[in-house]
Structures are given as C-alpha cells and as structure tokens.
Amino acid sequence: MSKTPAPSGLVQTTHLIVLLLLTACAGGPPIATATGYQYTAGAANIHSYRIEFAGMPEFLKPMLRDEISRVLAQKGLRYTEGDADAILLMTFINDPLPSATLQSGSEDNNGSMTSEVFAARFNARIKIEMTTRIAQERIWSGTLSRVHYVTEGDYMHEAPARDAMRRAFGELFAAYPAGRTEYMTRP
C-alpha cells in the first residue's frame, strides 16, 4: 500500500483559498456600498423624507423603499409619500459587462448548482442622494452595487435580496446621526 504524499504548503493554501471563495459566494456576491457625501449638521433638521426613483425597474421599487425605510426609521426618520423635509433619490445604473460561461457545478446568483450555461453579466448600481426638499442642499449620498450573472430562466429570490439590501443600507447609513426615535420600527 503506497502512501500519497501530504500536499505541499502551496497546495494547502490554494485549497483553503478556493474553499473560502466558494463559502463566501454561497449566497451570491455581496452588495458593495460606498458612502459619498455626508453633511451631518444638515441632517439634524431632517425628520421625514420621501423617495423618488430614476430609471429603477418597477419590481425593485417596493423592496428598496421598504428596506431603506426600516434602516432610516432606526435613525429617527419617517417615510412619507407627501410633504417631507428631504427627498431621497435612488437612480438605477446598469453597467453591462462581458458575458461569461458558468461551468458545470458552479453556483448561480441564488446559490444553486448549474450545468454549463451562458450568462449575461452586469453591474447593477443604485446611486443614492438625500437632499433637503426646499433648498435642495445635499445631506447624504452613496452607492450600492452588485455584479449579477443572469441565465435563462433566472429569477430573483425576494427574501435573500431584501436581507442583503437591508444590510447594505445599514452600512451606507451607519454614520448617519440618530434623531428622534418615535418612528423606530423593529428590524
């Protein structure tokens, strides 16, 4: 009976990296966040906001509205569809990327195993800007972005998408100053 030599350090390291990447991607790629402009002094006078969308696919609007509202309620901000202290503009930007072939046994966006298929790729970005309603003074801005692989028959799984959006909004508005809390809701 012959013994197989133990893997070298390089092979062990390579296996560990591959395992970490596969584990990290099990739920699909994360949503990247970048906070842009922050004017916390102006934020002190904001107690309510309304949301406007530009170029946003219709199916995303309710999810985005609901999840950002949950995060901002914890900061003491109240969502309204009427007159508000601030306007939160969300602009959808679709950046096409070169197509890719997903190999058999790889995971799609939803963590499902695939056979070899052709996938369209794009980077979906949402530019977010909060301004005062009257003076149009910018208070807060940032972006969310995520690379998507879309194959024929793909559809979005809403519960994981909502969770990812809520976490991303939480990161984006982490430094936003907390105000009145009578509008707080449970996460």
N, C-alpha and C. Protein backbone atom coordinates (compact mmCIF):
# COMPACT_ATOMS: atom_id res chain seq x y z
N MET A 1 0.85 -1.16 0.00
CA MET A 1 0.00 0.00 0.00
C MET A 1 0.89 1.23 0.00
N SER A 2 0.76 2.05 -1.01
CA SER A 2 1.60 3.24 -1.09
C SER A 2 0.89 4.42 -0.47
N LYS A 3 1.69 5.25 0.13
CA LYS A 3 1.14 6.44 0.77
C LYS A 3 1.16 7.60 -0.21
N THR A 4 0.10 8.37 -0.21
CA THR A 4 0.07 9.59 -1.00
C THR A 4 0.77 10.67 -0.21
N PRO A 5 1.73 11.37 -0.84
CA PRO A 5 2.43 12.41 -0.09
C PRO A 5 1.47 13.51 0.34
N ALA A 6 1.77 14.07 1.50
CA ALA A 6 0.95 15.18 2.01
C ALA A 6 1.06 16.36 1.07
N PRO A 7 -0.03 17.10 0.89
CA PRO A 7 0.02 18.26 0.00
C PRO A 7 1.03 19.29 0.50
N SER A 8 1.67 19.92 -0.45
CA SER A 8 2.64 20.96 -0.09
C SER A 8 1.90 22.17 0.48
N GLY A 9 2.64 23.07 1.12
CA GLY A 9 2.05 24.29 1.69
C GLY A 9 1.30 25.09 0.65
N LEU A 10 1.85 25.17 -0.57
CA LEU A 10 1.20 25.94 -1.63
C LEU A 10 -0.13 25.32 -2.01
N VAL A 11 -0.16 23.99 -2.13
CA VAL A 11 -1.41 23.31 -2.48
C VAL A 11 -2.43 23.48 -1.36
N GLN A 12 -2.00 23.35 -0.10
CA GLN A 12 -2.93 23.54 1.02
C GLN A 12 -3.48 24.95 1.03
N THR A 13 -2.62 25.93 0.79
CA THR A 13 -3.06 27.33 0.75
C THR A 13 -4.05 27.54 -0.38
N THR A 14 -3.76 26.96 -1.55
CA THR A 14 -4.66 27.10 -2.70
C THR A 14 -6.02 26.49 -2.38
N HIS A 15 -6.03 25.30 -1.76
CA HIS A 15 -7.30 24.66 -1.39
C HIS A 15 -8.08 25.52 -0.41
N LEU A 16 -7.39 26.12 0.56
CA LEU A 16 -8.04 26.98 1.54
C LEU A 16 -8.67 28.20 0.87
N ILE A 17 -7.92 28.81 -0.05
CA ILE A 17 -8.44 29.99 -0.76
C ILE A 17 -9.68 29.63 -1.56
N VAL A 18 -9.63 28.50 -2.29
CA VAL A 18 -10.78 28.07 -3.08
C VAL A 18 -11.97 27.80 -2.16
N LEU A 19 -11.74 27.11 -1.04
CA LEU A 19 -12.82 26.83 -0.10
C LEU A 19 -13.43 28.12 0.45
N LEU A 20 -12.59 29.08 0.81
CA LEU A 20 -13.10 30.36 1.32
C LEU A 20 -13.92 31.09 0.27
N LEU A 21 -13.44 31.08 -0.98
CA LEU A 21 -14.19 31.76 -2.05
C LEU A 21 -15.53 31.09 -2.28
N LEU A 22 -15.55 29.76 -2.30
CA LEU A 22 -16.81 29.06 -2.50
C LEU A 22 -17.77 29.32 -1.36
N THR A 23 -17.27 29.32 -0.14
CA THR A 23 -18.12 29.59 1.02
C THR A 23 -18.64 31.01 0.98
N ALA A 24 -17.78 31.97 0.64
CA ALA A 24 -18.18 33.38 0.61
C ALA A 24 -19.21 33.65 -0.47
N CYS A 25 -19.17 32.89 -1.57
CA CYS A 25 -20.08 33.15 -2.68
C CYS A 25 -21.35 32.32 -2.60
N ALA A 26 -21.51 31.54 -1.54
CA ALA A 26 -22.66 30.65 -1.46
C ALA A 26 -23.98 31.38 -1.60
N GLY A 27 -24.07 32.60 -1.13
CA GLY A 27 -25.30 33.36 -1.23
C GLY A 27 -25.27 34.34 -2.37
N GLY A 28 -24.35 34.19 -3.30
CA GLY A 28 -24.20 35.15 -4.38
C GLY A 28 -23.29 36.27 -3.92
N PRO A 29 -22.83 37.08 -4.85
CA PRO A 29 -21.92 38.16 -4.47
C PRO A 29 -22.60 39.16 -3.55
N PRO A 30 -21.85 39.74 -2.62
CA PRO A 30 -22.45 40.72 -1.72
C PRO A 30 -22.74 42.04 -2.44
N ILE A 31 -23.50 42.87 -1.78
CA ILE A 31 -23.75 44.21 -2.29
C ILE A 31 -22.67 45.12 -1.74
N ALA A 32 -21.94 45.76 -2.62
CA ALA A 32 -20.89 46.69 -2.20
C ALA A 32 -21.53 48.04 -1.89
N THR A 33 -21.00 48.73 -0.89
CA THR A 33 -21.51 50.05 -0.54
C THR A 33 -20.37 51.05 -0.52
N ALA A 34 -20.68 52.27 -0.84
CA ALA A 34 -19.71 53.37 -0.75
C ALA A 34 -20.47 54.62 -0.34
N THR A 35 -20.12 55.17 0.81
CA THR A 35 -20.74 56.41 1.25
C THR A 35 -20.00 57.55 0.59
N GLY A 36 -20.75 58.47 0.01
CA GLY A 36 -20.15 59.62 -0.65
C GLY A 36 -20.14 60.81 0.29
N TYR A 37 -21.02 61.72 0.04
CA TYR A 37 -21.08 62.98 0.78
C TYR A 37 -21.84 62.81 2.09
N GLN A 38 -21.33 63.40 3.16
CA GLN A 38 -22.01 63.37 4.46
C GLN A 38 -22.01 64.76 5.06
N TYR A 39 -23.20 65.31 5.28
CA TYR A 39 -23.33 66.62 5.93
C TYR A 39 -24.21 66.42 7.14
N THR A 40 -23.61 66.03 8.23
CA THR A 40 -24.39 65.67 9.41
C THR A 40 -25.07 66.86 10.07
N ALA A 41 -24.51 68.07 9.92
CA ALA A 41 -25.18 69.24 10.51
C ALA A 41 -26.54 69.45 9.84
N GLY A 42 -26.61 69.28 8.53
CA GLY A 42 -27.87 69.42 7.81
C GLY A 42 -28.85 68.31 8.15
N ALA A 43 -28.33 67.14 8.51
CA ALA A 43 -29.19 66.00 8.83
C ALA A 43 -29.97 66.21 10.11
N ALA A 44 -29.49 67.07 10.99
CA ALA A 44 -30.15 67.29 12.28
C ALA A 44 -31.57 67.84 12.12
N ASN A 45 -31.84 68.56 11.04
CA ASN A 45 -33.17 69.15 10.83
C ASN A 45 -34.09 68.29 9.98
N ILE A 46 -33.66 67.10 9.63
CA ILE A 46 -34.46 66.22 8.79
C ILE A 46 -35.17 65.20 9.68
N HIS A 47 -36.50 65.17 9.57
CA HIS A 47 -37.30 64.23 10.36
C HIS A 47 -38.16 63.34 9.47
N SER A 48 -38.37 63.76 8.21
CA SER A 48 -39.17 62.96 7.29
C SER A 48 -38.55 63.04 5.90
N TYR A 49 -38.85 62.05 5.09
CA TYR A 49 -38.32 62.02 3.72
C TYR A 49 -39.32 61.29 2.82
N ARG A 50 -39.22 61.58 1.56
CA ARG A 50 -39.96 60.81 0.56
C ARG A 50 -38.94 60.27 -0.43
N ILE A 51 -39.31 59.24 -1.14
CA ILE A 51 -38.38 58.58 -2.07
C ILE A 51 -38.83 58.85 -3.49
N GLU A 52 -37.86 59.17 -4.34
CA GLU A 52 -38.08 59.29 -5.78
C GLU A 52 -37.12 58.33 -6.47
N PHE A 53 -37.56 57.77 -7.59
CA PHE A 53 -36.75 56.82 -8.33
C PHE A 53 -36.48 57.35 -9.73
N ALA A 54 -35.30 57.04 -10.26
CA ALA A 54 -34.95 57.38 -11.64
C ALA A 54 -34.38 56.13 -12.30
N GLY A 55 -35.03 55.70 -13.38
CA GLY A 55 -34.55 54.55 -14.13
C GLY A 55 -34.64 53.22 -13.39
N MET A 56 -35.38 53.17 -12.32
CA MET A 56 -35.45 51.98 -11.47
C MET A 56 -36.45 50.98 -12.03
N PRO A 57 -36.06 49.70 -12.18
CA PRO A 57 -37.04 48.68 -12.57
C PRO A 57 -38.16 48.62 -11.53
N GLU A 58 -39.38 48.49 -12.01
CA GLU A 58 -40.56 48.53 -11.13
C GLU A 58 -40.51 47.49 -10.01
N PHE A 59 -40.01 46.29 -10.29
CA PHE A 59 -40.03 45.24 -9.27
C PHE A 59 -39.09 45.54 -8.10
N LEU A 60 -38.11 46.42 -8.30
CA LEU A 60 -37.18 46.76 -7.22
C LEU A 60 -37.71 47.85 -6.29
N LYS A 61 -38.59 48.69 -6.80
CA LYS A 61 -39.04 49.85 -6.01
C LYS A 61 -39.61 49.50 -4.64
N PRO A 62 -40.56 48.57 -4.54
CA PRO A 62 -41.11 48.27 -3.21
C PRO A 62 -40.06 47.72 -2.24
N MET A 63 -39.18 46.85 -2.74
CA MET A 63 -38.15 46.29 -1.86
C MET A 63 -37.20 47.37 -1.37
N LEU A 64 -36.74 48.21 -2.28
CA LEU A 64 -35.81 49.28 -1.89
C LEU A 64 -36.48 50.22 -0.89
N ARG A 65 -37.71 50.62 -1.19
CA ARG A 65 -38.44 51.53 -0.30
C ARG A 65 -38.61 50.91 1.09
N ASP A 66 -39.03 49.67 1.14
CA ASP A 66 -39.27 49.01 2.43
C ASP A 66 -37.99 48.87 3.24
N GLU A 67 -36.93 48.42 2.60
CA GLU A 67 -35.70 48.13 3.35
C GLU A 67 -34.96 49.39 3.78
N ILE A 68 -34.94 50.42 2.94
CA ILE A 68 -34.28 51.66 3.39
C ILE A 68 -35.13 52.33 4.47
N SER A 69 -36.45 52.19 4.38
CA SER A 69 -37.32 52.78 5.40
C SER A 69 -37.09 52.13 6.76
N ARG A 70 -36.86 50.83 6.78
CA ARG A 70 -36.57 50.14 8.04
C ARG A 70 -35.28 50.66 8.66
N VAL A 71 -34.26 50.86 7.83
CA VAL A 71 -32.97 51.34 8.33
C VAL A 71 -33.08 52.79 8.80
N LEU A 72 -33.71 53.64 8.00
CA LEU A 72 -33.79 55.06 8.36
C LEU A 72 -34.73 55.30 9.54
N ALA A 73 -35.72 54.44 9.74
CA ALA A 73 -36.60 54.57 10.91
C ALA A 73 -35.78 54.42 12.19
N GLN A 74 -34.76 53.60 12.15
CA GLN A 74 -33.90 53.43 13.32
C GLN A 74 -33.03 54.65 13.56
N LYS A 75 -32.96 55.53 12.58
CA LYS A 75 -32.23 56.79 12.74
C LYS A 75 -33.18 57.92 13.11
N GLY A 76 -34.47 57.60 13.27
CA GLY A 76 -35.46 58.61 13.65
C GLY A 76 -36.10 59.31 12.47
N LEU A 77 -35.94 58.77 11.25
CA LEU A 77 -36.55 59.38 10.07
C LEU A 77 -37.83 58.66 9.70
N ARG A 78 -38.82 59.43 9.32
CA ARG A 78 -40.14 58.90 8.96
C ARG A 78 -40.35 59.00 7.46
N TYR A 79 -40.71 57.87 6.84
CA TYR A 79 -41.02 57.84 5.42
C TYR A 79 -42.43 58.38 5.21
N THR A 80 -42.61 59.20 4.17
CA THR A 80 -43.93 59.70 3.80
C THR A 80 -44.01 59.82 2.28
N GLU A 81 -45.20 59.74 1.76
CA GLU A 81 -45.40 59.96 0.33
C GLU A 81 -45.84 61.39 0.05
N GLY A 82 -46.05 62.17 1.10
CA GLY A 82 -46.47 63.56 0.96
C GLY A 82 -45.31 64.52 1.16
N ASP A 83 -45.63 65.69 1.73
CA ASP A 83 -44.58 66.68 2.02
C ASP A 83 -43.59 66.10 3.01
N ALA A 84 -42.31 66.32 2.75
CA ALA A 84 -41.26 65.78 3.60
C ALA A 84 -40.15 66.81 3.73
N ASP A 85 -39.31 66.64 4.75
CA ASP A 85 -38.16 67.52 4.93
C ASP A 85 -37.08 67.27 3.88
N ALA A 86 -36.99 66.01 3.42
CA ALA A 86 -35.92 65.65 2.48
C ALA A 86 -36.46 64.75 1.37
N ILE A 87 -35.71 64.73 0.29
CA ILE A 87 -36.01 63.84 -0.84
C ILE A 87 -34.84 62.87 -0.97
N LEU A 88 -35.16 61.60 -1.02
CA LEU A 88 -34.15 60.56 -1.21
C LEU A 88 -34.31 60.05 -2.63
N LEU A 89 -33.36 60.40 -3.49
CA LEU A 89 -33.41 60.00 -4.90
C LEU A 89 -32.56 58.75 -5.09
N MET A 90 -33.16 57.70 -5.66
CA MET A 90 -32.44 56.48 -5.99
C MET A 90 -32.43 56.32 -7.50
N THR A 91 -31.23 56.32 -8.08
CA THR A 91 -31.06 56.21 -9.52
C THR A 91 -30.43 54.87 -9.86
N PHE A 92 -31.07 54.12 -10.76
CA PHE A 92 -30.56 52.81 -11.18
C PHE A 92 -29.64 52.99 -12.37
N ILE A 93 -28.46 52.37 -12.30
CA ILE A 93 -27.49 52.42 -13.40
C ILE A 93 -27.11 50.98 -13.71
N ASN A 94 -27.28 50.59 -14.97
CA ASN A 94 -26.94 49.24 -15.42
C ASN A 94 -25.66 49.32 -16.23
N ASP A 95 -24.57 48.75 -15.71
CA ASP A 95 -23.30 48.72 -16.42
C ASP A 95 -23.08 47.32 -16.99
N PRO A 96 -23.30 47.13 -18.32
CA PRO A 96 -23.08 45.81 -18.91
C PRO A 96 -21.61 45.40 -18.79
N LEU A 97 -21.38 44.11 -18.58
CA LEU A 97 -20.04 43.54 -18.50
C LEU A 97 -19.93 42.44 -19.55
N PRO A 98 -18.73 42.02 -19.90
CA PRO A 98 -18.60 40.91 -20.86
C PRO A 98 -19.33 39.67 -20.34
N SER A 99 -19.94 38.93 -21.26
CA SER A 99 -20.66 37.71 -20.89
C SER A 99 -19.70 36.69 -20.32
N ALA A 100 -20.25 35.71 -19.62
CA ALA A 100 -19.43 34.67 -19.01
C ALA A 100 -20.10 33.32 -19.22
N THR A 101 -19.29 32.27 -19.13
CA THR A 101 -19.82 30.92 -19.15
C THR A 101 -19.64 30.36 -17.75
N LEU A 102 -20.74 29.98 -17.12
CA LEU A 102 -20.68 29.36 -15.81
C LEU A 102 -20.44 27.87 -16.01
N GLN A 103 -19.42 27.35 -15.41
CA GLN A 103 -19.06 25.95 -15.57
C GLN A 103 -20.01 25.05 -14.79
N SER A 104 -20.12 23.83 -15.24
CA SER A 104 -20.94 22.85 -14.54
C SER A 104 -20.46 22.73 -13.10
N GLY A 105 -21.40 22.76 -12.17
CA GLY A 105 -21.06 22.65 -10.76
C GLY A 105 -20.78 23.97 -10.09
N SER A 106 -20.83 25.09 -10.83
CA SER A 106 -20.64 26.39 -10.19
C SER A 106 -21.99 26.88 -9.69
N GLU A 107 -21.96 27.92 -8.86
CA GLU A 107 -23.19 28.43 -8.28
C GLU A 107 -23.66 29.66 -9.02
N ASP A 108 -24.97 29.77 -9.20
CA ASP A 108 -25.54 30.97 -9.79
C ASP A 108 -25.78 31.99 -8.68
N ASN A 109 -26.46 33.11 -9.00
CA ASN A 109 -26.71 34.17 -8.01
C ASN A 109 -27.46 33.67 -6.79
N ASN A 110 -28.25 32.63 -6.93
CA ASN A 110 -29.10 32.16 -5.84
C ASN A 110 -28.50 31.00 -5.07
N GLY A 111 -27.23 30.65 -5.37
CA GLY A 111 -26.58 29.57 -4.67
C GLY A 111 -26.94 28.19 -5.19
N SER A 112 -27.62 28.12 -6.35
CA SER A 112 -27.98 26.84 -6.93
C SER A 112 -26.87 26.36 -7.86
N MET A 113 -26.66 25.05 -7.91
CA MET A 113 -25.65 24.48 -8.79
C MET A 113 -26.15 24.55 -10.23
N THR A 114 -25.23 24.79 -11.16
CA THR A 114 -25.62 24.93 -12.56
C THR A 114 -24.90 23.91 -13.42
N SER A 115 -25.46 23.65 -14.59
CA SER A 115 -24.71 22.96 -15.63
C SER A 115 -24.08 24.09 -16.44
N GLU A 116 -23.21 23.78 -17.37
CA GLU A 116 -22.54 24.85 -18.12
C GLU A 116 -23.58 25.65 -18.91
N VAL A 117 -23.63 26.93 -18.65
CA VAL A 117 -24.59 27.81 -19.31
C VAL A 117 -23.93 29.14 -19.62
N PHE A 118 -24.50 29.83 -20.58
CA PHE A 118 -24.05 31.17 -20.95
C PHE A 118 -24.78 32.15 -20.04
N ALA A 119 -24.05 33.11 -19.51
CA ALA A 119 -24.67 34.07 -18.59
C ALA A 119 -24.34 35.49 -19.01
N ALA A 120 -25.37 36.31 -19.05
CA ALA A 120 -25.16 37.75 -19.24
C ALA A 120 -24.68 38.29 -17.90
N ARG A 121 -23.77 39.26 -17.94
CA ARG A 121 -23.26 39.85 -16.70
C ARG A 121 -23.48 41.35 -16.74
N PHE A 122 -23.80 41.91 -15.59
CA PHE A 122 -23.90 43.36 -15.49
C PHE A 122 -23.67 43.78 -14.05
N ASN A 123 -23.24 45.00 -13.89
CA ASN A 123 -23.08 45.58 -12.56
C ASN A 123 -24.27 46.51 -12.35
N ALA A 124 -25.14 46.13 -11.43
CA ALA A 124 -26.29 46.98 -11.10
C ALA A 124 -25.86 47.93 -10.00
N ARG A 125 -25.97 49.22 -10.27
CA ARG A 125 -25.62 50.24 -9.28
C ARG A 125 -26.85 51.07 -8.95
N ILE A 126 -26.95 51.44 -7.70
CA ILE A 126 -28.01 52.36 -7.28
C ILE A 126 -27.32 53.54 -6.61
N LYS A 127 -27.45 54.67 -7.26
CA LYS A 127 -26.88 55.91 -6.72
C LYS A 127 -27.95 56.52 -5.82
N ILE A 128 -27.55 56.88 -4.61
CA ILE A 128 -28.49 57.41 -3.62
C ILE A 128 -28.05 58.80 -3.22
N GLU A 129 -29.01 59.72 -3.25
CA GLU A 129 -28.71 61.09 -2.83
C GLU A 129 -29.89 61.64 -2.03
N MET A 130 -29.59 62.14 -0.83
CA MET A 130 -30.62 62.75 0.00
C MET A 130 -30.37 64.26 0.01
N THR A 131 -31.41 65.03 -0.33
CA THR A 131 -31.31 66.49 -0.34
C THR A 131 -32.47 67.08 0.45
N THR A 132 -32.27 68.30 0.94
CA THR A 132 -33.38 68.98 1.60
C THR A 132 -34.41 69.32 0.53
N ARG A 133 -35.67 69.24 0.88
CA ARG A 133 -36.75 69.43 -0.10
C ARG A 133 -36.77 70.85 -0.66
N ILE A 134 -36.63 71.85 0.17
CA ILE A 134 -36.77 73.23 -0.29
C ILE A 134 -35.48 73.78 -0.88
N ALA A 135 -34.39 73.72 -0.15
CA ALA A 135 -33.13 74.33 -0.61
C ALA A 135 -32.33 73.41 -1.54
N GLN A 136 -32.73 72.16 -1.66
CA GLN A 136 -32.02 71.17 -2.47
C GLN A 136 -30.56 71.00 -2.02
N GLU A 137 -30.31 71.21 -0.73
CA GLU A 137 -28.98 71.06 -0.16
C GLU A 137 -28.70 69.56 0.05
N ARG A 138 -27.58 69.10 -0.46
CA ARG A 138 -27.24 67.68 -0.33
C ARG A 138 -26.84 67.37 1.11
N ILE A 139 -27.41 66.30 1.65
CA ILE A 139 -27.15 65.88 3.03
C ILE A 139 -26.34 64.60 3.06
N TRP A 140 -26.70 63.67 2.19
CA TRP A 140 -26.07 62.34 2.23
C TRP A 140 -26.06 61.77 0.83
N SER A 141 -25.04 61.01 0.50
CA SER A 141 -25.03 60.31 -0.79
C SER A 141 -24.18 59.05 -0.68
N GLY A 142 -24.40 58.16 -1.60
CA GLY A 142 -23.63 56.92 -1.64
C GLY A 142 -24.13 56.04 -2.76
N THR A 143 -23.54 54.86 -2.88
CA THR A 143 -23.94 53.92 -3.91
C THR A 143 -23.98 52.50 -3.36
N LEU A 144 -24.84 51.71 -3.96
CA LEU A 144 -24.88 50.27 -3.76
C LEU A 144 -24.53 49.67 -5.11
N SER A 145 -23.78 48.59 -5.14
CA SER A 145 -23.53 47.94 -6.43
C SER A 145 -23.32 46.45 -6.22
N ARG A 146 -23.72 45.69 -7.24
CA ARG A 146 -23.58 44.24 -7.20
C ARG A 146 -23.48 43.72 -8.62
N VAL A 147 -22.51 42.83 -8.85
CA VAL A 147 -22.38 42.18 -10.15
C VAL A 147 -23.37 41.03 -10.20
N HIS A 148 -24.11 40.95 -11.30
CA HIS A 148 -25.11 39.90 -11.49
C HIS A 148 -24.74 39.03 -12.68
N TYR A 149 -24.98 37.73 -12.53
CA TYR A 149 -24.89 36.77 -13.63
C TYR A 149 -26.32 36.31 -13.87
N VAL A 150 -26.82 36.52 -15.06
CA VAL A 150 -28.21 36.17 -15.34
C VAL A 150 -28.25 35.13 -16.45
N THR A 151 -28.85 33.99 -16.15
CA THR A 151 -29.01 32.94 -17.15
C THR A 151 -30.49 32.82 -17.48
N GLU A 152 -30.78 32.14 -18.57
CA GLU A 152 -32.17 31.97 -18.99
C GLU A 152 -32.96 31.28 -17.88
N GLY A 153 -34.10 31.83 -17.55
CA GLY A 153 -34.96 31.26 -16.52
C GLY A 153 -34.65 31.73 -15.11
N ASP A 154 -33.61 32.55 -14.94
CA ASP A 154 -33.29 33.08 -13.61
C ASP A 154 -34.40 33.99 -13.11
N TYR A 155 -34.60 33.99 -11.82
CA TYR A 155 -35.49 34.96 -11.19
C TYR A 155 -34.91 35.30 -9.83
N MET A 156 -35.31 36.42 -9.30
CA MET A 156 -34.77 36.89 -8.03
C MET A 156 -35.52 36.23 -6.88
N HIS A 157 -34.76 35.78 -5.89
CA HIS A 157 -35.35 35.25 -4.67
C HIS A 157 -35.50 36.43 -3.72
N GLU A 158 -36.74 36.81 -3.43
CA GLU A 158 -37.00 38.07 -2.74
C GLU A 158 -36.47 38.13 -1.31
N ALA A 159 -36.64 37.08 -0.52
CA ALA A 159 -36.21 37.15 0.89
C ALA A 159 -34.70 37.39 1.02
N PRO A 160 -33.85 36.62 0.32
CA PRO A 160 -32.41 36.91 0.42
C PRO A 160 -32.06 38.29 -0.13
N ALA A 161 -32.77 38.73 -1.17
CA ALA A 161 -32.49 40.05 -1.75
C ALA A 161 -32.82 41.14 -0.73
N ARG A 162 -33.94 41.01 -0.06
CA ARG A 162 -34.33 42.01 0.95
C ARG A 162 -33.31 42.06 2.09
N ASP A 163 -32.88 40.90 2.56
CA ASP A 163 -31.89 40.86 3.65
C ASP A 163 -30.59 41.55 3.22
N ALA A 164 -30.14 41.26 2.01
CA ALA A 164 -28.90 41.86 1.51
C ALA A 164 -29.05 43.37 1.36
N MET A 165 -30.20 43.82 0.87
CA MET A 165 -30.44 45.26 0.72
C MET A 165 -30.44 45.95 2.08
N ARG A 166 -31.11 45.34 3.05
CA ARG A 166 -31.18 45.94 4.39
C ARG A 166 -29.78 46.07 4.99
N ARG A 167 -28.97 45.02 4.87
CA ARG A 167 -27.60 45.09 5.39
C ARG A 167 -26.80 46.18 4.68
N ALA A 168 -26.96 46.28 3.36
CA ALA A 168 -26.22 47.29 2.59
C ALA A 168 -26.66 48.70 2.99
N PHE A 169 -27.96 48.92 3.14
CA PHE A 169 -28.43 50.24 3.58
C PHE A 169 -27.93 50.55 4.99
N GLY A 170 -27.89 49.54 5.85
CA GLY A 170 -27.36 49.73 7.20
C GLY A 170 -25.91 50.20 7.17
N GLU A 171 -25.11 49.61 6.28
CA GLU A 171 -23.71 50.04 6.13
C GLU A 171 -23.63 51.45 5.57
N LEU A 172 -24.45 51.72 4.57
CA LEU A 172 -24.40 53.02 3.90
C LEU A 172 -24.77 54.16 4.85
N PHE A 173 -25.73 53.92 5.73
CA PHE A 173 -26.20 54.96 6.65
C PHE A 173 -25.71 54.74 8.08
N ALA A 174 -24.68 53.94 8.27
CA ALA A 174 -24.17 53.66 9.62
C ALA A 174 -23.76 54.93 10.36
N ALA A 175 -23.15 55.87 9.67
CA ALA A 175 -22.67 57.09 10.33
C ALA A 175 -23.73 58.20 10.36
N TYR A 176 -24.90 57.94 9.79
CA TYR A 176 -25.95 58.96 9.79
C TYR A 176 -26.37 59.20 11.24
N PRO A 177 -26.45 60.46 11.66
CA PRO A 177 -26.76 60.73 13.07
C PRO A 177 -28.20 60.32 13.42
N ALA A 178 -28.34 59.66 14.54
CA ALA A 178 -29.66 59.25 15.00
C ALA A 178 -30.41 60.47 15.52
N GLY A 179 -31.67 60.55 15.17
CA GLY A 179 -32.51 61.67 15.62
C GLY A 179 -33.59 61.16 16.53
N ARG A 180 -34.77 61.73 16.37
CA ARG A 180 -35.92 61.30 17.17
C ARG A 180 -36.21 59.84 16.89
N THR A 181 -36.61 59.13 17.89
CA THR A 181 -36.84 57.70 17.71
C THR A 181 -38.29 57.27 17.81
N GLU A 182 -39.22 58.21 17.87
CA GLU A 182 -40.62 57.78 17.99
C GLU A 182 -41.10 57.08 16.72
N TYR A 183 -40.32 57.15 15.62
CA TYR A 183 -40.72 56.48 14.38
C TYR A 183 -40.02 55.14 14.21
N MET A 184 -39.26 54.72 15.23
CA MET A 184 -38.49 53.49 15.10
C MET A 184 -39.41 52.30 14.89
N THR A 185 -38.93 51.38 14.05
CA THR A 185 -39.64 50.12 13.84
C THR A 185 -38.67 49.00 14.15
N ARG A 186 -39.22 47.84 14.37
CA ARG A 186 -38.35 46.69 14.62
C ARG A 186 -37.75 46.21 13.32
N PRO A 187 -36.47 45.77 13.37
CA PRO A 187 -35.83 45.26 12.14
C PRO A 187 -36.43 43.96 11.70
